[in-house]
Amino acid sequence: MIQSILKIFKALNSDVGPWQISFAAALGMIIGLTPVWSLHNAFVLLFAFLFRVHLATFFVFWLLFSAIAYLLDPWFHQLGLSLLNNDSLSTLWTAMYQSDFWQLMHFNHTITLGSFLVSIIAFVPFSIAMRLSIIRYRAQLLPWVNKIRLIQVLKGSRLFQLYQNIDS
């Protein structure tokens, strides 16, 4: 876990594209907020491995949002329950449940439906916010941190050499 966090810092301080890091974080958000054993999470894993995203960022944000999801599960349950009990959507849910594919998606479970809806709605804003944060960090905070005398001393140490050897 510590090595994954160090890999994220190394990616933030290197020339890894901001979109690679932000999409990895957003995909980690989706898989972290939703129940793990869901078909849509298999698609998220497939996207994470097929597209060039920063995998250490993906796994760290997966763990981070998994912890947050336990706090949000009652809210996800209420959202999913209100959607499933909505009379105007009952024909949609009935039609979806008649299909094998939609049965595998488990959208008849309140937490799965609520958390998936929230994570899909938050995907684009979270990706954009992460990208802008990375760009701002690299442009404003990183040069300031590099000027600090303590950082310059640490960069000359053996510990920094070990940090540099970590594969990103």
Protein backbone atom coordinates (compact mmCIF):
# COMPACT_ATOMS: atom_id res chain seq x y z
CA MET A 1 0.00 0.00 0.00
CA ILE A 2 2.78 2.42 0.87
CA GLN A 3 4.53 1.53 -2.36
CA SER A 4 1.33 2.30 -4.30
CA ILE A 5 1.04 5.69 -2.63
CA LEU A 6 4.69 6.42 -3.48
CA LYS A 7 3.94 5.45 -7.08
CA ILE A 8 1.10 7.99 -7.15
CA PHE A 9 3.43 10.73 -5.89
CA LYS A 10 6.02 9.70 -8.45
CA ALA A 11 3.39 9.87 -11.21
CA LEU A 12 2.22 13.28 -10.00
CA ASN A 13 5.79 14.55 -10.14
CA SER A 14 6.62 12.97 -13.50
CA ASP A 15 5.34 13.43 -17.01
CA VAL A 16 2.52 10.89 -16.70
CA GLY A 17 -0.49 12.45 -18.39
CA PRO A 18 -3.07 14.08 -16.12
CA TRP A 19 -5.86 12.24 -17.92
CA GLN A 20 -4.21 8.89 -17.18
CA ILE A 21 -4.15 9.64 -13.48
CA SER A 22 -7.60 11.23 -13.33
CA PHE A 23 -9.32 8.44 -15.29
CA ALA A 24 -7.62 5.89 -13.05
CA ALA A 25 -8.95 7.71 -9.99
CA ALA A 26 -12.45 7.95 -11.49
CA LEU A 27 -12.51 4.25 -12.43
CA GLY A 28 -11.32 3.46 -8.91
CA MET A 29 -14.19 5.59 -7.63
CA ILE A 30 -16.76 3.57 -9.59
CA ILE A 31 -15.45 0.19 -8.50
CA GLY A 32 -14.97 1.39 -4.92
CA LEU A 33 -18.43 2.87 -4.44
CA THR A 34 -20.32 -0.07 -5.93
CA PRO A 35 -20.51 -3.63 -4.56
CA VAL A 36 -17.43 -5.54 -5.69
CA TRP A 37 -19.08 -8.66 -7.10
CA SER A 38 -21.06 -6.92 -9.84
CA LEU A 39 -20.88 -7.38 -13.58
CA HIS A 40 -20.31 -3.68 -14.23
CA ASN A 41 -17.16 -3.86 -12.08
CA ALA A 42 -15.80 -6.49 -14.46
CA PHE A 43 -16.23 -3.92 -17.24
CA VAL A 44 -14.52 -1.26 -15.12
CA LEU A 45 -11.57 -3.61 -14.51
CA LEU A 46 -11.43 -4.35 -18.22
CA PHE A 47 -11.32 -0.61 -19.02
CA ALA A 48 -8.61 -0.06 -16.41
CA PHE A 49 -6.42 -2.80 -17.85
CA LEU A 50 -7.06 -2.08 -21.55
CA PHE A 51 -6.65 1.68 -21.51
CA ARG A 52 -3.52 3.45 -20.37
CA VAL A 53 -4.43 4.48 -16.87
CA HIS A 54 -2.11 4.65 -13.90
CA LEU A 55 -2.83 1.35 -12.13
CA ALA A 56 -1.39 2.33 -8.74
CA THR A 57 -3.77 5.31 -8.69
CA PHE A 58 -6.63 3.01 -9.71
CA PHE A 59 -6.00 0.59 -6.84
CA VAL A 60 -5.45 3.29 -4.20
CA PHE A 61 -8.66 5.12 -5.15
CA TRP A 62 -10.51 1.78 -5.24
CA LEU A 63 -9.50 1.21 -1.61
CA LEU A 64 -10.22 4.81 -0.62
CA PHE A 65 -13.72 4.82 -2.11
CA SER A 66 -14.44 1.34 -0.74
CA ALA A 67 -13.97 2.80 2.73
CA ILE A 68 -16.15 5.79 1.87
CA ALA A 69 -18.84 3.50 0.42
CA TYR A 70 -19.53 1.93 3.82
CA LEU A 71 -20.48 5.36 5.11
CA LEU A 72 -22.64 6.10 2.07
CA ASP A 73 -24.40 2.71 1.81
CA PRO A 74 -27.52 3.82 3.74
CA TRP A 75 -27.90 6.76 1.36
CA PHE A 76 -27.32 4.49 -1.67
CA HIS A 77 -29.97 2.12 -0.29
CA GLN A 78 -32.52 4.95 0.05
CA LEU A 79 -31.79 6.19 -3.47
CA GLY A 80 -32.04 2.72 -4.99
CA LEU A 81 -35.21 1.96 -3.03
CA SER A 82 -36.88 5.16 -4.17
CA LEU A 83 -36.00 4.38 -7.80
CA LEU A 84 -37.22 0.80 -7.58
CA ASN A 85 -40.47 1.84 -5.86
CA ASN A 86 -41.20 4.65 -8.31
CA ASP A 87 -44.46 3.71 -10.06
CA SER A 88 -43.53 5.48 -13.30
CA LEU A 89 -40.37 3.33 -13.61
CA SER A 90 -42.00 -0.02 -12.79
CA THR A 91 -42.43 -1.00 -16.45
CA LEU A 92 -38.73 -0.22 -17.07
CA TRP A 93 -37.63 -2.39 -14.14
CA THR A 94 -39.95 -5.21 -15.23
CA ALA A 95 -38.66 -5.09 -18.81
CA MET A 96 -35.04 -5.00 -17.64
CA TYR A 97 -35.53 -7.91 -15.27
CA GLN A 98 -36.91 -10.03 -18.15
CA SER A 99 -33.47 -9.84 -19.82
CA ASP A 100 -30.65 -12.12 -18.65
CA PHE A 101 -28.07 -9.35 -19.04
CA TRP A 102 -29.91 -6.94 -16.74
CA GLN A 103 -30.47 -9.71 -14.20
CA LEU A 104 -26.70 -10.18 -14.05
CA MET A 105 -26.24 -6.45 -13.45
CA HIS A 106 -28.18 -6.81 -10.15
CA PHE A 107 -29.96 -3.50 -10.48
CA ASN A 108 -32.83 -5.00 -8.49
CA HIS A 109 -30.59 -4.57 -5.41
CA THR A 110 -31.03 -1.14 -3.88
CA ILE A 111 -27.41 -0.49 -2.92
CA THR A 112 -26.11 -1.64 -6.30
CA LEU A 113 -28.54 0.58 -8.19
CA GLY A 114 -28.04 3.64 -5.98
CA SER A 115 -24.26 3.43 -5.84
CA PHE A 116 -23.94 2.75 -9.58
CA LEU A 117 -26.13 5.74 -10.42
CA VAL A 118 -24.16 8.07 -8.13
CA SER A 119 -20.78 6.84 -9.41
CA ILE A 120 -21.77 7.19 -13.07
CA ILE A 121 -23.11 10.71 -12.51
CA ALA A 122 -19.96 11.67 -10.57
CA PHE A 123 -17.53 10.10 -13.09
CA VAL A 124 -17.12 13.05 -15.48
CA PRO A 125 -17.05 15.85 -12.87
CA PHE A 126 -14.62 13.85 -10.71
CA SER A 127 -12.34 13.15 -13.71
CA ILE A 128 -12.28 16.81 -14.69
CA ALA A 129 -11.70 17.96 -11.10
CA MET A 130 -8.84 15.48 -10.69
CA ARG A 131 -7.24 16.57 -13.97
CA LEU A 132 -7.47 20.25 -13.07
CA SER A 133 -6.06 19.52 -9.60
CA ILE A 134 -3.11 17.63 -11.08
CA ILE A 135 -2.37 20.43 -13.55
CA ARG A 136 -2.61 23.04 -10.81
CA TYR A 137 -0.40 20.97 -8.48
CA ARG A 138 2.26 20.61 -11.17
CA ALA A 139 2.15 24.26 -12.15
CA GLN A 140 1.95 25.95 -8.75
CA LEU A 141 2.71 23.66 -5.83
CA LEU A 142 5.47 21.43 -7.24
CA PRO A 143 7.92 24.28 -8.10
CA TRP A 144 7.36 25.79 -4.65
CA VAL A 145 7.97 22.42 -2.93
CA ASN A 146 11.15 21.85 -4.95
CA LYS A 147 12.56 25.18 -3.69
CA ILE A 148 12.28 24.17 -0.04
CA ARG A 149 15.73 23.51 1.42
CA LEU A 150 14.60 20.36 3.24
CA ILE A 151 13.32 18.85 -0.01
CA GLN A 152 16.60 19.63 -1.72
CA VAL A 153 18.48 17.86 1.09
CA LEU A 154 16.11 14.88 0.90
CA LYS A 155 16.61 14.63 -2.86
CA GLY A 156 20.32 14.15 -2.24
CA SER A 157 19.75 11.34 0.25
CA ARG A 158 19.74 7.58 -0.15
CA LEU A 159 16.01 7.50 0.64
CA PHE A 160 15.27 9.58 -2.43
CA GLN A 161 17.37 7.23 -4.56
CA LEU A 162 15.18 4.33 -3.37
CA TYR A 163 12.09 6.40 -4.20
CA GLN A 164 13.43 7.03 -7.70
CA ASN A 165 13.89 3.30 -8.26
CA ILE A 166 10.19 2.57 -7.73
CA ASP A 167 8.55 1.73 -11.04
CA SER A 168 5.60 3.97 -11.83
